Amino acid sequence: MDTPIGATMRLEWTMDKKKKRRKRRAFTPEFKAQAVQLCAVGERNIAQVGDDLDLTESALRGWVQRAEIDAEKGPPDALNTAEREELAKLRHDNKRLTMERDI
């Protein structure tokens, strides 16, 4: 199997460390954006684009939903990427400060 440009692979193991699972891949933001664009402009649906790029339909569907939210086309209460990053940072800081306080 060929790895798409913009993807890197990492080997995943099961709990018993004997059986190999499918290799976990990491994709660049550029690759994700191009895959989302193929879904938006082409006459192919998400499943067909996913098959062409050797992606799971659920992963590609998640990227499309995240892109819609970032473009303010998603649900009004959904957090965009910048807000999600800020929330993660605040939660991390809160956890650190709570630990410092408890010491």
C-alpha atoms as a PDB file:
ATOM      1  CA  MET A   1       0.000   0.000   0.000  1.00  0.00           C
ATOM      2  CA  ASP A   2       1.330   3.406  -0.909  1.00  0.00           C
ATOM      3  CA  THR A   3       1.271   6.184   1.650  1.00  0.00           C
ATOM      4  CA  PRO A   4      -0.358   9.376   0.340  1.00  0.00           C
ATOM      5  CA  ILE A   5       1.856  12.439   0.131  1.00  0.00           C
ATOM      6  CA  GLY A   6       1.521  14.367   3.378  1.00  0.00           C
ATOM      7  CA  ALA A   7       0.999  11.269   5.510  1.00  0.00           C
ATOM      8  CA  THR A   8       3.334   9.491   7.891  1.00  0.00           C
ATOM      9  CA  MET A   9       2.790   6.073   9.400  1.00  0.00           C
ATOM     10  CA  ARG A  10       3.200   4.756  12.922  1.00  0.00           C
ATOM     11  CA  LEU A  11       2.891   1.097  13.843  1.00  0.00           C
ATOM     12  CA  GLU A  12       0.088   0.243  16.269  1.00  0.00           C
ATOM     13  CA  TRP A  13       0.076  -2.855  18.468  1.00  0.00           C
ATOM     14  CA  THR A  14      -2.798  -4.679  20.110  1.00  0.00           C
ATOM     15  CA  MET A  15      -2.927  -5.257  23.865  1.00  0.00           C
ATOM     16  CA  ASP A  16      -1.074  -8.573  23.670  1.00  0.00           C
ATOM     17  CA  LYS A  17       1.720  -7.036  21.518  1.00  0.00           C
ATOM     18  CA  LYS A  18       1.655 -10.030  19.187  1.00  0.00           C
ATOM     19  CA  LYS A  19      -0.833  -9.005  16.517  1.00  0.00           C
ATOM     20  CA  LYS A  20      -0.272  -5.965  14.374  1.00  0.00           C
ATOM     21  CA  ARG A  21      -3.146  -3.639  13.676  1.00  0.00           C
ATOM     22  CA  ARG A  22      -3.369  -1.278  10.750  1.00  0.00           C
ATOM     23  CA  LYS A  23      -0.649   1.317  10.894  1.00  0.00           C
ATOM     24  CA  ARG A  24      -1.805   4.645  12.290  1.00  0.00           C
ATOM     25  CA  ARG A  25      -1.125   7.501   9.936  1.00  0.00           C
ATOM     26  CA  ALA A  26      -0.636  11.189  10.627  1.00  0.00           C
ATOM     27  CA  PHE A  27      -1.662  13.656   7.933  1.00  0.00           C
ATOM     28  CA  THR A  28      -0.471  17.185   7.333  1.00  0.00           C
ATOM     29  CA  PRO A  29      -3.003  20.029   7.435  1.00  0.00           C
ATOM     30  CA  GLU A  30      -2.350  20.611   3.714  1.00  0.00           C
ATOM     31  CA  PHE A  31      -3.264  17.013   2.867  1.00  0.00           C
ATOM     32  CA  LYS A  32      -6.446  17.264   4.932  1.00  0.00           C
ATOM     33  CA  ALA A  33      -7.408  20.540   3.235  1.00  0.00           C
ATOM     34  CA  GLN A  34      -6.884  19.013  -0.228  1.00  0.00           C
ATOM     35  CA  ALA A  35      -8.969  15.960   0.687  1.00  0.00           C
ATOM     36  CA  VAL A  36     -11.782  18.189   1.977  1.00  0.00           C
ATOM     37  CA  GLN A  37     -11.622  20.276  -1.190  1.00  0.00           C
ATOM     38  CA  LEU A  38     -11.973  17.134  -3.327  1.00  0.00           C
ATOM     39  CA  CYS A  39     -15.176  16.313  -1.434  1.00  0.00           C
ATOM     40  CA  ALA A  40     -16.549  19.829  -1.871  1.00  0.00           C
ATOM     41  CA  VAL A  41     -15.863  20.499  -5.546  1.00  0.00           C
ATOM     42  CA  GLY A  42     -16.054  17.086  -7.174  1.00  0.00           C
ATOM     43  CA  GLU A  43     -19.054  15.038  -8.130  1.00  0.00           C
ATOM     44  CA  ARG A  44     -17.823  12.205  -5.925  1.00  0.00           C
ATOM     45  CA  ASN A  45     -19.107  11.676  -2.408  1.00  0.00           C
ATOM     46  CA  ILE A  46     -17.028  11.322   0.758  1.00  0.00           C
ATOM     47  CA  ALA A  47     -16.887   7.527   0.563  1.00  0.00           C
ATOM     48  CA  GLN A  48     -15.559   7.590  -3.007  1.00  0.00           C
ATOM     49  CA  VAL A  49     -12.917  10.223  -2.208  1.00  0.00           C
ATOM     50  CA  GLY A  50     -11.930   8.222   0.880  1.00  0.00           C
ATOM     51  CA  ASP A  51     -11.474   5.084  -1.206  1.00  0.00           C
ATOM     52  CA  ASP A  52      -9.381   6.977  -3.757  1.00  0.00           C
ATOM     53  CA  LEU A  53      -7.092   8.382  -1.044  1.00  0.00           C
ATOM     54  CA  ASP A  54      -7.089   5.182   1.081  1.00  0.00           C
ATOM     55  CA  LEU A  55      -8.804   6.953   3.988  1.00  0.00           C
ATOM     56  CA  THR A  56     -11.603   5.771   6.217  1.00  0.00           C
ATOM     57  CA  GLU A  57     -14.908   7.430   5.534  1.00  0.00           C
ATOM     58  CA  SER A  58     -15.276   8.457   9.175  1.00  0.00           C
ATOM     59  CA  ALA A  59     -11.899  10.231   9.233  1.00  0.00           C
ATOM     60  CA  LEU A  60     -12.632  12.129   6.040  1.00  0.00           C
ATOM     61  CA  ARG A  61     -16.154  12.980   7.210  1.00  0.00           C
ATOM     62  CA  GLY A  62     -14.675  14.408  10.425  1.00  0.00           C
ATOM     63  CA  TRP A  63     -12.265  16.573   8.428  1.00  0.00           C
ATOM     64  CA  VAL A  64     -15.149  17.844   6.282  1.00  0.00           C
ATOM     65  CA  GLN A  65     -17.253  18.675   9.351  1.00  0.00           C
ATOM     66  CA  ARG A  66     -14.312  20.461  11.015  1.00  0.00           C
ATOM     67  CA  ALA A  67     -13.723  22.490   7.826  1.00  0.00           C
ATOM     68  CA  GLU A  68     -17.402  23.467   7.704  1.00  0.00           C
ATOM     69  CA  ILE A  69     -17.275  24.625  11.321  1.00  0.00           C
ATOM     70  CA  ASP A  70     -14.098  26.619  10.658  1.00  0.00           C
ATOM     71  CA  ALA A  71     -15.829  28.235   7.664  1.00  0.00           C
ATOM     72  CA  GLU A  72     -18.773  29.108   9.979  1.00  0.00           C
ATOM     73  CA  LYS A  73     -21.132  26.824   8.048  1.00  0.00           C
ATOM     74  CA  GLY A  74     -21.613  24.374  10.907  1.00  0.00           C
ATOM     75  CA  PRO A  75     -23.835  24.468  13.982  1.00  0.00           C
ATOM     76  CA  PRO A  76     -23.805  27.852  15.728  1.00  0.00           C
ATOM     77  CA  ASP A  77     -22.650  26.403  19.060  1.00  0.00           C
ATOM     78  CA  ALA A  78     -19.751  24.353  17.616  1.00  0.00           C
ATOM     79  CA  LEU A  79     -16.198  25.432  18.449  1.00  0.00           C
ATOM     80  CA  ASN A  80     -13.850  26.244  15.584  1.00  0.00           C
ATOM     81  CA  THR A  81     -10.244  25.043  15.571  1.00  0.00           C
ATOM     82  CA  ALA A  82      -8.837  28.162  17.260  1.00  0.00           C
ATOM     83  CA  GLU A  83     -11.441  27.963  20.030  1.00  0.00           C
ATOM     84  CA  ARG A  84     -10.748  24.249  20.543  1.00  0.00           C
ATOM     85  CA  GLU A  85      -6.999  24.926  20.827  1.00  0.00           C
ATOM     86  CA  GLU A  86      -7.643  27.732  23.315  1.00  0.00           C
ATOM     87  CA  LEU A  87      -9.943  25.494  25.368  1.00  0.00           C
ATOM     88  CA  ALA A  88      -7.312  22.722  25.442  1.00  0.00           C
ATOM     89  CA  LYS A  89      -4.659  25.227  26.573  1.00  0.00           C
ATOM     90  CA  LEU A  90      -6.926  26.609  29.300  1.00  0.00           C
ATOM     91  CA  ARG A  91      -7.738  23.120  30.554  1.00  0.00           C
ATOM     92  CA  HIS A  92      -4.032  22.268  30.637  1.00  0.00           C
ATOM     93  CA  ASP A  93      -3.249  25.478  32.550  1.00  0.00           C
ATOM     94  CA  ASN A  94      -6.126  24.838  34.955  1.00  0.00           C
ATOM     95  CA  LYS A  95      -4.862  21.327  35.667  1.00  0.00           C
ATOM     96  CA  ARG A  96      -1.322  22.609  36.279  1.00  0.00           C
ATOM     97  CA  LEU A  97      -2.531  25.403  38.587  1.00  0.00           C
ATOM     98  CA  THR A  98      -4.738  22.989  40.529  1.00  0.00           C
ATOM     99  CA  MET A  99      -1.765  20.675  41.063  1.00  0.00           C
ATOM    100  CA  GLU A 100       0.417  23.607  42.173  1.00  0.00           C
ATOM    101  CA  ARG A 101      -2.253  24.740  44.609  1.00  0.00           C
ATOM    102  CA  ASP A 102      -2.559  21.267  46.111  1.00  0.00           C
ATOM    103  CA  ILE A 103       1.187  21.012  46.780  1.00  0.00           C
END
